[in-house]
Amino acid sequence: MRYLVATHARFSVRKIGRLLEKAAGPRAQEAIVTTLDEIERRGERRGRAQGRAQGRAQTLLELLTARFGAVSAEVSAGILAADEAALVAWTTRVLTARTPEDVLVEDDKRPAPARRPAARKRARRI
């Protein structure tokens, strides 16, 4: 379709579609419709995933701003370019990070978190 539209500028997409329908016959038309439906479903799934990732990125930026103040352009760009798995990990990491940059550090390059000393139990007076 794209090739025909690109190489036959005088024909509209609708006209090319009608010509293909006539040439294809009923069985081919059914296969074409089924394939187009699947392509549309894939596009919808991708769109939903991108929407979720964008929402998660926006939430992460808001959390970082609330916790640390203004976020650098570098950190912001890293967040906006990240995939959903990274965003999930980083959103949790906001709770323990010391700086906005610490949130984006890869797991294998992160220093071990400082442990708090165990709480002491008070001795009972008798």
N, C-alpha and C. Protein backbone atom coordinates (compact mmCIF):
# COMPACT_ATOMS: atom_id res chain seq x y z
N MET A 1 0.83 -1.19 0.00
CA MET A 1 0.00 0.00 0.00
C MET A 1 0.87 1.25 0.00
N ARG A 2 1.85 1.26 0.87
CA ARG A 2 2.72 2.44 0.95
C ARG A 2 3.41 2.71 -0.38
N TYR A 3 3.88 1.63 -0.99
CA TYR A 3 4.56 1.79 -2.27
C TYR A 3 3.61 2.37 -3.31
N LEU A 4 2.41 1.84 -3.36
CA LEU A 4 1.46 2.33 -4.35
C LEU A 4 1.10 3.80 -4.10
N VAL A 5 0.88 4.15 -2.85
CA VAL A 5 0.56 5.54 -2.52
C VAL A 5 1.73 6.46 -2.88
N ALA A 6 2.95 6.00 -2.59
CA ALA A 6 4.13 6.83 -2.85
C ALA A 6 4.42 6.98 -4.35
N THR A 7 4.15 5.93 -5.12
CA THR A 7 4.50 5.97 -6.54
C THR A 7 3.35 6.38 -7.45
N HIS A 8 2.16 6.43 -6.93
CA HIS A 8 0.99 6.79 -7.73
C HIS A 8 0.26 7.95 -7.06
N ALA A 9 0.90 9.10 -7.07
CA ALA A 9 0.39 10.27 -6.36
C ALA A 9 -1.00 10.69 -6.83
N ARG A 10 -1.36 10.40 -8.07
CA ARG A 10 -2.66 10.84 -8.57
C ARG A 10 -3.81 10.02 -8.00
N PHE A 11 -3.49 8.84 -7.40
CA PHE A 11 -4.53 8.01 -6.78
C PHE A 11 -4.60 8.27 -5.29
N SER A 12 -5.77 8.36 -4.75
CA SER A 12 -5.94 8.51 -3.30
C SER A 12 -5.78 7.14 -2.65
N VAL A 13 -5.56 7.15 -1.37
CA VAL A 13 -5.44 5.90 -0.62
C VAL A 13 -6.73 5.10 -0.75
N ARG A 14 -7.84 5.78 -0.67
CA ARG A 14 -9.14 5.12 -0.77
C ARG A 14 -9.29 4.43 -2.13
N LYS A 15 -8.91 5.12 -3.22
CA LYS A 15 -9.03 4.55 -4.56
C LYS A 15 -8.13 3.33 -4.71
N ILE A 16 -6.91 3.42 -4.22
CA ILE A 16 -6.00 2.28 -4.29
C ILE A 16 -6.57 1.10 -3.49
N GLY A 17 -7.16 1.39 -2.34
CA GLY A 17 -7.78 0.34 -1.53
C GLY A 17 -8.90 -0.36 -2.27
N ARG A 18 -9.73 0.41 -2.95
CA ARG A 18 -10.83 -0.20 -3.72
C ARG A 18 -10.30 -1.07 -4.85
N LEU A 19 -9.26 -0.60 -5.53
CA LEU A 19 -8.66 -1.39 -6.61
C LEU A 19 -8.11 -2.71 -6.09
N LEU A 20 -7.44 -2.67 -4.94
CA LEU A 20 -6.89 -3.90 -4.34
C LEU A 20 -8.00 -4.84 -3.91
N GLU A 21 -9.08 -4.30 -3.36
CA GLU A 21 -10.21 -5.14 -2.95
C GLU A 21 -10.79 -5.88 -4.13
N LYS A 22 -10.97 -5.19 -5.23
CA LYS A 22 -11.52 -5.82 -6.44
C LYS A 22 -10.59 -6.90 -6.95
N ALA A 23 -9.30 -6.64 -6.94
CA ALA A 23 -8.33 -7.58 -7.48
C ALA A 23 -8.13 -8.79 -6.57
N ALA A 24 -8.32 -8.62 -5.27
CA ALA A 24 -7.97 -9.66 -4.31
C ALA A 24 -8.99 -10.79 -4.24
N GLY A 25 -10.25 -10.53 -4.32
CA GLY A 25 -11.26 -11.55 -4.15
C GLY A 25 -11.61 -11.72 -2.68
N PRO A 26 -12.71 -12.42 -2.39
CA PRO A 26 -13.22 -12.48 -1.00
C PRO A 26 -12.28 -13.16 0.01
N ARG A 27 -11.61 -14.25 -0.36
CA ARG A 27 -10.73 -14.94 0.59
C ARG A 27 -9.53 -14.07 0.94
N ALA A 28 -8.94 -13.44 -0.05
CA ALA A 28 -7.79 -12.57 0.19
C ALA A 28 -8.22 -11.35 0.99
N GLN A 29 -9.42 -10.84 0.72
CA GLN A 29 -9.92 -9.68 1.48
C GLN A 29 -10.01 -10.02 2.96
N GLU A 30 -10.51 -11.22 3.27
CA GLU A 30 -10.62 -11.63 4.66
C GLU A 30 -9.24 -11.72 5.32
N ALA A 31 -8.26 -12.26 4.60
CA ALA A 31 -6.90 -12.35 5.14
C ALA A 31 -6.31 -10.96 5.33
N ILE A 32 -6.57 -10.06 4.40
CA ILE A 32 -6.05 -8.70 4.51
C ILE A 32 -6.65 -8.00 5.73
N VAL A 33 -7.97 -8.14 5.89
CA VAL A 33 -8.63 -7.50 7.03
C VAL A 33 -8.11 -8.07 8.34
N THR A 34 -7.92 -9.38 8.41
CA THR A 34 -7.39 -10.01 9.62
C THR A 34 -5.99 -9.49 9.93
N THR A 35 -5.16 -9.39 8.91
CA THR A 35 -3.79 -8.88 9.09
C THR A 35 -3.81 -7.43 9.53
N LEU A 36 -4.65 -6.63 8.91
CA LEU A 36 -4.74 -5.21 9.28
C LEU A 36 -5.25 -5.05 10.72
N ASP A 37 -6.20 -5.90 11.12
CA ASP A 37 -6.68 -5.86 12.51
C ASP A 37 -5.56 -6.17 13.49
N GLU A 38 -4.72 -7.17 13.16
CA GLU A 38 -3.60 -7.52 14.04
C GLU A 38 -2.59 -6.38 14.11
N ILE A 39 -2.31 -5.76 12.98
CA ILE A 39 -1.39 -4.62 12.97
C ILE A 39 -1.94 -3.49 13.83
N GLU A 40 -3.24 -3.25 13.73
CA GLU A 40 -3.87 -2.20 14.54
C GLU A 40 -3.78 -2.53 16.03
N ARG A 41 -4.02 -3.79 16.41
CA ARG A 41 -3.92 -4.19 17.82
C ARG A 41 -2.50 -4.00 18.35
N ARG A 42 -1.50 -4.36 17.53
CA ARG A 42 -0.10 -4.16 17.94
C ARG A 42 0.18 -2.68 18.18
N GLY A 43 -0.30 -1.85 17.28
CA GLY A 43 -0.10 -0.41 17.43
C GLY A 43 -0.76 0.12 18.69
N GLU A 44 -1.95 -0.38 18.99
CA GLU A 44 -2.63 0.04 20.22
C GLU A 44 -1.86 -0.39 21.45
N ARG A 45 -1.34 -1.62 21.43
CA ARG A 45 -0.55 -2.10 22.58
C ARG A 45 0.70 -1.25 22.77
N ARG A 46 1.39 -0.94 21.66
CA ARG A 46 2.57 -0.09 21.76
C ARG A 46 2.22 1.28 22.29
N GLY A 47 1.12 1.82 21.81
CA GLY A 47 0.68 3.14 22.27
C GLY A 47 0.38 3.15 23.76
N ARG A 48 -0.29 2.10 24.24
CA ARG A 48 -0.58 2.02 25.68
C ARG A 48 0.70 1.90 26.49
N ALA A 49 1.64 1.08 26.00
CA ALA A 49 2.92 0.91 26.72
C ALA A 49 3.69 2.23 26.74
N GLN A 50 3.70 2.94 25.63
CA GLN A 50 4.39 4.23 25.60
C GLN A 50 3.72 5.22 26.52
N GLY A 51 2.39 5.19 26.56
CA GLY A 51 1.66 6.09 27.45
C GLY A 51 1.97 5.80 28.92
N ARG A 52 2.04 4.50 29.26
CA ARG A 52 2.40 4.13 30.64
C ARG A 52 3.80 4.60 30.98
N ALA A 53 4.73 4.38 30.06
CA ALA A 53 6.12 4.78 30.31
C ALA A 53 6.22 6.30 30.45
N GLN A 54 5.52 7.03 29.62
CA GLN A 54 5.55 8.50 29.73
C GLN A 54 4.95 8.95 31.05
N GLY A 55 3.85 8.32 31.47
CA GLY A 55 3.25 8.66 32.75
C GLY A 55 4.18 8.34 33.91
N ARG A 56 4.83 7.19 33.83
CA ARG A 56 5.77 6.80 34.89
C ARG A 56 6.97 7.74 34.92
N ALA A 57 7.45 8.14 33.75
CA ALA A 57 8.58 9.08 33.69
C ALA A 57 8.18 10.42 34.31
N GLN A 58 6.99 10.89 34.01
CA GLN A 58 6.52 12.16 34.57
C GLN A 58 6.39 12.06 36.08
N THR A 59 5.86 10.94 36.58
CA THR A 59 5.74 10.73 38.02
C THR A 59 7.11 10.73 38.68
N LEU A 60 8.07 10.05 38.07
CA LEU A 60 9.42 9.99 38.62
C LEU A 60 10.04 11.39 38.68
N LEU A 61 9.87 12.17 37.62
CA LEU A 61 10.39 13.54 37.63
C LEU A 61 9.74 14.37 38.74
N GLU A 62 8.45 14.19 38.95
CA GLU A 62 7.76 14.91 40.02
C GLU A 62 8.28 14.49 41.40
N LEU A 63 8.51 13.19 41.57
CA LEU A 63 9.04 12.71 42.85
C LEU A 63 10.45 13.25 43.10
N LEU A 64 11.28 13.22 42.07
CA LEU A 64 12.64 13.76 42.22
C LEU A 64 12.61 15.24 42.56
N THR A 65 11.75 15.99 41.89
CA THR A 65 11.65 17.43 42.16
C THR A 65 11.15 17.67 43.58
N ALA A 66 10.19 16.89 44.03
CA ALA A 66 9.68 17.05 45.40
C ALA A 66 10.75 16.72 46.43
N ARG A 67 11.57 15.72 46.13
CA ARG A 67 12.57 15.29 47.12
C ARG A 67 13.85 16.12 47.06
N PHE A 68 14.32 16.46 45.85
CA PHE A 68 15.63 17.09 45.71
C PHE A 68 15.60 18.51 45.16
N GLY A 69 14.46 18.98 44.74
CA GLY A 69 14.39 20.29 44.08
C GLY A 69 14.56 20.11 42.58
N ALA A 70 14.97 21.17 41.90
CA ALA A 70 15.09 21.14 40.44
C ALA A 70 15.99 19.99 39.99
N VAL A 71 15.57 19.32 38.93
CA VAL A 71 16.31 18.19 38.38
C VAL A 71 17.10 18.67 37.16
N SER A 72 18.34 18.24 37.04
CA SER A 72 19.19 18.67 35.91
C SER A 72 18.61 18.16 34.59
N ALA A 73 18.98 18.83 33.52
CA ALA A 73 18.53 18.44 32.18
C ALA A 73 19.04 17.04 31.83
N GLU A 74 20.24 16.71 32.30
CA GLU A 74 20.82 15.40 32.02
C GLU A 74 20.00 14.28 32.67
N VAL A 75 19.63 14.47 33.93
CA VAL A 75 18.82 13.48 34.63
C VAL A 75 17.45 13.38 33.97
N SER A 76 16.85 14.51 33.66
CA SER A 76 15.55 14.54 33.03
C SER A 76 15.57 13.81 31.69
N ALA A 77 16.59 14.06 30.88
CA ALA A 77 16.71 13.40 29.58
C ALA A 77 16.87 11.90 29.74
N GLY A 78 17.66 11.47 30.74
CA GLY A 78 17.84 10.05 30.99
C GLY A 78 16.53 9.37 31.36
N ILE A 79 15.73 10.04 32.14
CA ILE A 79 14.45 9.49 32.56
C ILE A 79 13.49 9.41 31.38
N LEU A 80 13.42 10.45 30.59
CA LEU A 80 12.50 10.47 29.46
C LEU A 80 12.89 9.46 28.38
N ALA A 81 14.15 9.06 28.31
CA ALA A 81 14.61 8.10 27.31
C ALA A 81 14.56 6.65 27.80
N ALA A 82 14.26 6.45 29.08
CA ALA A 82 14.34 5.12 29.67
C ALA A 82 13.16 4.24 29.30
N ASP A 83 13.38 2.93 29.38
CA ASP A 83 12.29 1.99 29.17
C ASP A 83 11.52 1.80 30.47
N GLU A 84 10.41 1.11 30.39
CA GLU A 84 9.53 0.98 31.55
C GLU A 84 10.18 0.22 32.70
N ALA A 85 10.96 -0.80 32.41
CA ALA A 85 11.61 -1.57 33.48
C ALA A 85 12.55 -0.69 34.30
N ALA A 86 13.32 0.14 33.63
CA ALA A 86 14.22 1.04 34.34
C ALA A 86 13.43 2.05 35.16
N LEU A 87 12.35 2.56 34.60
CA LEU A 87 11.54 3.54 35.33
C LEU A 87 10.93 2.94 36.60
N VAL A 88 10.53 1.69 36.52
CA VAL A 88 9.98 1.02 37.71
C VAL A 88 11.04 0.93 38.80
N ALA A 89 12.24 0.51 38.42
CA ALA A 89 13.34 0.38 39.40
C ALA A 89 13.70 1.75 39.97
N TRP A 90 13.78 2.76 39.12
CA TRP A 90 14.17 4.10 39.56
C TRP A 90 13.12 4.72 40.47
N THR A 91 11.86 4.46 40.20
CA THR A 91 10.79 5.04 41.02
C THR A 91 10.91 4.52 42.45
N THR A 92 11.25 3.27 42.60
CA THR A 92 11.45 2.71 43.94
C THR A 92 12.72 3.28 44.57
N ARG A 93 13.74 3.43 43.76
CA ARG A 93 15.04 3.91 44.24
C ARG A 93 14.99 5.35 44.76
N VAL A 94 14.00 6.13 44.33
CA VAL A 94 13.87 7.51 44.80
C VAL A 94 13.81 7.55 46.32
N LEU A 95 13.27 6.51 46.92
CA LEU A 95 13.08 6.49 48.37
C LEU A 95 14.39 6.43 49.14
N THR A 96 15.44 5.87 48.53
CA THR A 96 16.69 5.68 49.26
C THR A 96 17.87 6.45 48.68
N ALA A 97 17.71 7.04 47.52
CA ALA A 97 18.83 7.73 46.86
C ALA A 97 19.22 8.99 47.62
N ARG A 98 20.51 9.31 47.55
CA ARG A 98 21.00 10.52 48.21
C ARG A 98 20.95 11.73 47.27
N THR A 99 21.02 11.47 45.97
CA THR A 99 20.96 12.53 44.96
C THR A 99 20.12 12.05 43.78
N PRO A 100 19.65 12.96 42.95
CA PRO A 100 18.90 12.53 41.75
C PRO A 100 19.75 11.64 40.84
N GLU A 101 21.03 11.90 40.76
CA GLU A 101 21.92 11.09 39.92
C GLU A 101 22.02 9.66 40.44
N ASP A 102 21.96 9.48 41.75
CA ASP A 102 22.02 8.13 42.34
C ASP A 102 20.83 7.28 41.90
N VAL A 103 19.73 7.91 41.60
CA VAL A 103 18.54 7.17 41.18
C VAL A 103 18.80 6.45 39.87
N LEU A 104 19.56 7.07 38.97
CA LEU A 104 19.76 6.54 37.63
C LEU A 104 20.98 5.64 37.49
N VAL A 105 21.77 5.46 38.52
CA VAL A 105 22.96 4.63 38.45
C VAL A 105 22.54 3.17 38.26
N GLU A 106 23.23 2.48 37.37
CA GLU A 106 22.93 1.07 37.13
C GLU A 106 23.21 0.26 38.38
N ASP A 107 22.46 -0.83 38.57
CA ASP A 107 22.58 -1.65 39.78
C ASP A 107 23.99 -2.16 40.03
N ASP A 108 24.71 -2.58 38.98
CA ASP A 108 26.04 -3.13 39.19
C ASP A 108 27.08 -2.05 39.50
N LYS A 109 26.72 -0.79 39.35
CA LYS A 109 27.66 0.30 39.65
C LYS A 109 27.28 1.05 40.92
N ARG A 110 26.24 0.60 41.59
CA ARG A 110 25.79 1.27 42.81
C ARG A 110 26.59 0.78 44.01
N PRO A 111 26.96 1.70 44.88
CA PRO A 111 27.58 1.25 46.12
C PRO A 111 26.52 0.60 47.00
N ALA A 112 26.96 -0.29 47.84
CA ALA A 112 26.01 -0.94 48.75
C ALA A 112 25.42 0.11 49.68
N PRO A 113 24.11 0.04 49.92
CA PRO A 113 23.50 1.03 50.80
C PRO A 113 24.04 0.91 52.22
N ALA A 114 24.16 2.04 52.88
CA ALA A 114 24.62 2.04 54.27
C ALA A 114 23.54 1.39 55.14
N ARG A 115 23.98 0.52 56.01
CA ARG A 115 23.01 -0.14 56.88
C ARG A 115 22.92 0.60 58.20
N ARG A 116 21.73 0.64 58.69
CA ARG A 116 21.53 1.24 60.01
C ARG A 116 21.91 0.22 61.08
N PRO A 117 22.45 0.70 62.17
CA PRO A 117 22.75 -0.26 63.24
C PRO A 117 21.43 -0.83 63.79
N ALA A 118 21.51 -2.06 64.23
CA ALA A 118 20.32 -2.70 64.78
C ALA A 118 19.87 -1.95 66.04
N ALA A 119 18.58 -1.88 66.20
CA ALA A 119 18.03 -1.19 67.36
C ALA A 119 18.34 -2.01 68.62
N ARG A 120 18.70 -1.33 69.67
CA ARG A 120 18.99 -2.03 70.93
C ARG A 120 17.71 -2.20 71.71
N LYS A 121 17.63 -3.33 72.38
CA LYS A 121 16.48 -3.55 73.24
C LYS A 121 16.80 -2.97 74.60
N ARG A 122 15.83 -2.34 75.15
CA ARG A 122 16.04 -1.79 76.50
C ARG A 122 15.96 -2.90 77.53
N ALA A 123 16.85 -2.81 78.46
CA ALA A 123 16.85 -3.80 79.54
C ALA A 123 15.68 -3.49 80.47
N ARG A 124 15.06 -4.54 80.92
CA ARG A 124 13.96 -4.33 81.87
C ARG A 124 14.51 -4.09 83.27
N ARG A 125 13.86 -3.17 83.92
CA ARG A 125 14.22 -2.97 85.34
C ARG A 125 13.38 -3.88 86.19
N ILE A 126 14.05 -4.45 87.13
CA ILE A 126 13.34 -5.38 88.02
C ILE A 126 13.16 -4.75 89.38
